């Protein structure tokens, strides 16, 4: 996700002026081309949120999630979303299918190790599906 300096004014961990934010973003990006790009049809430069300080990055994500939830029609009635132990995993999965912004929010809270484990599990499940599609079954058919 990319943002311009003007969108970041007032966020914690950043200077108060647009010029100060722009200069700080130039330092934070370290001149890496994947962190900075020219906004299409504009003079403005966009900066990837990964070059922001942690507080500012979290504020940008929260703002993004809120806008996505509002646009998609998902409603939380202004209450914080809590994990309810009474909600079954299948029901939670169905809720996440209806509102992909919740999936994005959950993934953003995972550590790198947790993401690696999830990727490995997804790859394993994909391989099992390929075998099943090729005609293999879950039940062993080995001869005694």
Protein backbone atom coordinates (compact mmCIF):
# COMPACT_ATOMS: atom_id res chain seq x y z
CA UNK A 1 0.00 0.00 0.00
CA UNK A 2 1.37 3.41 -0.96
CA UNK A 3 0.59 6.83 0.52
CA UNK A 4 1.58 10.42 -0.23
CA UNK A 5 3.00 12.82 2.36
CA UNK A 6 -0.18 14.91 2.41
CA UNK A 7 -2.22 11.92 3.60
CA UNK A 8 0.07 11.40 6.58
CA UNK A 9 -0.27 14.73 8.35
CA UNK A 10 -1.29 14.40 11.98
CA UNK A 11 -0.15 10.80 12.37
CA UNK A 12 1.93 9.81 15.41
CA UNK A 13 5.66 9.37 14.91
CA UNK A 14 5.85 11.78 11.97
CA UNK A 15 6.65 15.50 11.63
CA UNK A 16 3.71 17.92 11.69
CA UNK A 17 4.29 19.68 8.35
CA UNK A 18 3.90 18.15 4.91
CA UNK A 19 7.41 19.28 3.98
CA UNK A 20 8.82 17.65 7.13
CA UNK A 21 6.92 14.45 6.39
CA UNK A 22 8.22 14.42 2.82
CA UNK A 23 11.83 14.84 4.02
CA UNK A 24 11.40 12.16 6.69
CA UNK A 25 9.91 9.76 4.14
CA UNK A 26 12.88 10.34 1.85
CA UNK A 27 15.17 9.34 4.72
CA UNK A 28 13.03 6.37 5.79
CA UNK A 29 12.83 4.98 2.25
CA UNK A 30 16.61 4.93 1.98
CA UNK A 31 16.47 5.55 -1.77
CA UNK A 32 15.07 2.07 -2.44
CA UNK A 33 13.05 2.10 -5.69
CA UNK A 34 10.45 -0.34 -4.32
CA UNK A 35 9.65 2.07 -1.48
CA UNK A 36 9.04 5.19 -3.64
CA UNK A 37 7.14 5.69 -6.87
CA UNK A 38 5.64 8.56 -8.83
CA UNK A 39 1.87 8.83 -8.49
CA UNK A 40 0.17 8.40 -11.88
CA UNK A 41 -1.10 11.67 -13.33
CA UNK A 42 0.49 13.78 -10.62
CA UNK A 43 3.72 15.38 -9.47
CA UNK A 44 3.46 13.63 -6.11
CA UNK A 45 5.62 10.75 -4.96
CA UNK A 46 4.06 7.82 -3.14
CA UNK A 47 5.82 5.96 -0.35
CA UNK A 48 5.26 2.36 0.65
CA UNK A 49 3.89 2.07 4.18
CA UNK A 50 6.70 -0.32 5.15
CA UNK A 51 9.09 2.64 5.28
CA UNK A 52 6.94 4.39 7.92
CA UNK A 53 7.60 4.22 11.67
CA UNK A 54 5.56 1.51 13.43
CA UNK A 55 3.02 3.92 15.01
CA UNK A 56 2.32 5.69 11.73
CA UNK A 57 2.13 2.41 9.81
CA UNK A 58 -0.45 1.04 12.23
CA UNK A 59 -2.51 4.24 12.02
CA UNK A 60 -2.49 4.07 8.20
CA UNK A 61 -3.57 0.42 8.29
CA UNK A 62 -6.39 1.13 10.72
CA UNK A 63 -7.59 4.01 8.55
CA UNK A 64 -7.46 1.74 5.48
CA UNK A 65 -9.34 -1.11 7.20
CA UNK A 66 -12.02 1.29 8.39
CA UNK A 67 -12.54 2.70 4.89
CA UNK A 68 -12.65 -0.79 3.33
CA UNK A 69 -15.18 -1.95 5.89
CA UNK A 70 -17.36 1.08 5.21
CA UNK A 71 -17.18 0.57 1.44
CA UNK A 72 -17.85 -3.18 1.54
CA UNK A 73 -20.91 -2.87 3.73
CA UNK A 74 -19.44 -4.84 6.62
CA UNK A 75 -20.75 -3.37 9.84
CA UNK A 76 -19.38 -3.60 13.31
CA UNK A 77 -21.89 -1.12 14.77
CA UNK A 78 -18.98 1.00 15.97
CA UNK A 79 -17.95 -1.67 18.45
CA UNK A 80 -14.50 -3.21 18.43
CA UNK A 81 -14.49 -6.67 16.91
CA UNK A 82 -13.70 -9.25 19.57
CA UNK A 83 -12.95 -12.91 19.24
CA UNK A 84 -15.82 -14.81 20.73
CA UNK A 85 -15.06 -18.31 21.91
CA UNK A 86 -18.66 -19.23 21.06
CA UNK A 87 -18.05 -18.57 17.34
CA UNK A 88 -17.07 -21.79 15.63
CA UNK A 89 -14.13 -21.74 13.17
CA UNK A 90 -16.45 -22.51 10.24
CA UNK A 91 -18.65 -19.54 11.15
CA UNK A 92 -15.61 -17.30 11.51
CA UNK A 93 -14.39 -18.45 8.10
CA UNK A 94 -17.77 -17.62 6.56
CA UNK A 95 -17.65 -14.14 8.10
CA UNK A 96 -14.18 -13.59 6.68
CA UNK A 97 -15.35 -14.73 3.23
CA UNK A 98 -18.05 -12.06 3.34
CA UNK A 99 -15.63 -9.34 4.41
CA UNK A 100 -12.08 -9.78 2.98
CA UNK A 101 -10.83 -6.74 4.92
CA UNK A 102 -11.04 -8.86 8.08
CA UNK A 103 -8.70 -11.42 6.49
CA UNK A 104 -6.25 -8.68 5.60
CA UNK A 105 -6.36 -7.37 9.16
CA UNK A 106 -5.77 -10.84 10.62
CA UNK A 107 -2.85 -11.51 8.28
CA UNK A 108 -1.27 -8.17 9.22
CA UNK A 109 -1.07 -9.32 12.85
CA UNK A 110 0.84 -12.53 12.03
CA UNK A 111 4.58 -12.82 12.59
CA UNK A 112 6.89 -13.87 9.75
CA UNK A 113 7.19 -17.37 11.25
CA UNK A 114 3.41 -17.70 11.44
CA UNK A 115 3.11 -16.60 7.81
CA UNK A 116 5.71 -19.24 6.78
CA UNK A 117 3.78 -21.96 8.63
CA UNK A 118 0.51 -20.85 7.01
CA UNK A 119 2.13 -20.85 3.56
CA UNK A 120 3.52 -24.36 4.15
CA UNK A 121 0.10 -25.63 5.26
CA UNK A 122 -1.60 -24.07 2.25
CA UNK A 123 0.96 -25.67 -0.07
CA UNK A 124 0.40 -29.06 1.58
CA UNK A 125 -3.37 -28.73 1.19
CA UNK A 126 -2.91 -27.74 -2.46
CA UNK A 127 -0.82 -30.86 -3.10
CA UNK A 128 -3.44 -33.06 -1.42
CA UNK A 129 -6.12 -31.52 -3.66
CA UNK A 130 -3.98 -32.26 -6.75
CA UNK A 131 -3.68 -35.91 -5.70
CA UNK A 132 -7.41 -36.12 -5.04
CA UNK A 133 -8.16 -34.59 -8.44
CA UNK A 134 -5.86 -37.18 -10.03
CA UNK A 135 -8.07 -39.97 -8.65
CA UNK A 136 -6.39 -40.86 -5.39
CA UNK A 137 -8.56 -41.21 -2.32
CA UNK A 138 -8.03 -40.68 1.40
CA UNK A 139 -8.56 -44.35 2.07
CA UNK A 140 -5.50 -46.53 1.60
CA UNK A 141 -5.89 -49.15 -1.13
CA UNK A 142 -2.61 -50.94 -0.45
CA UNK A 143 -2.81 -54.73 -0.81
CA UNK A 144 -1.97 -56.86 2.27
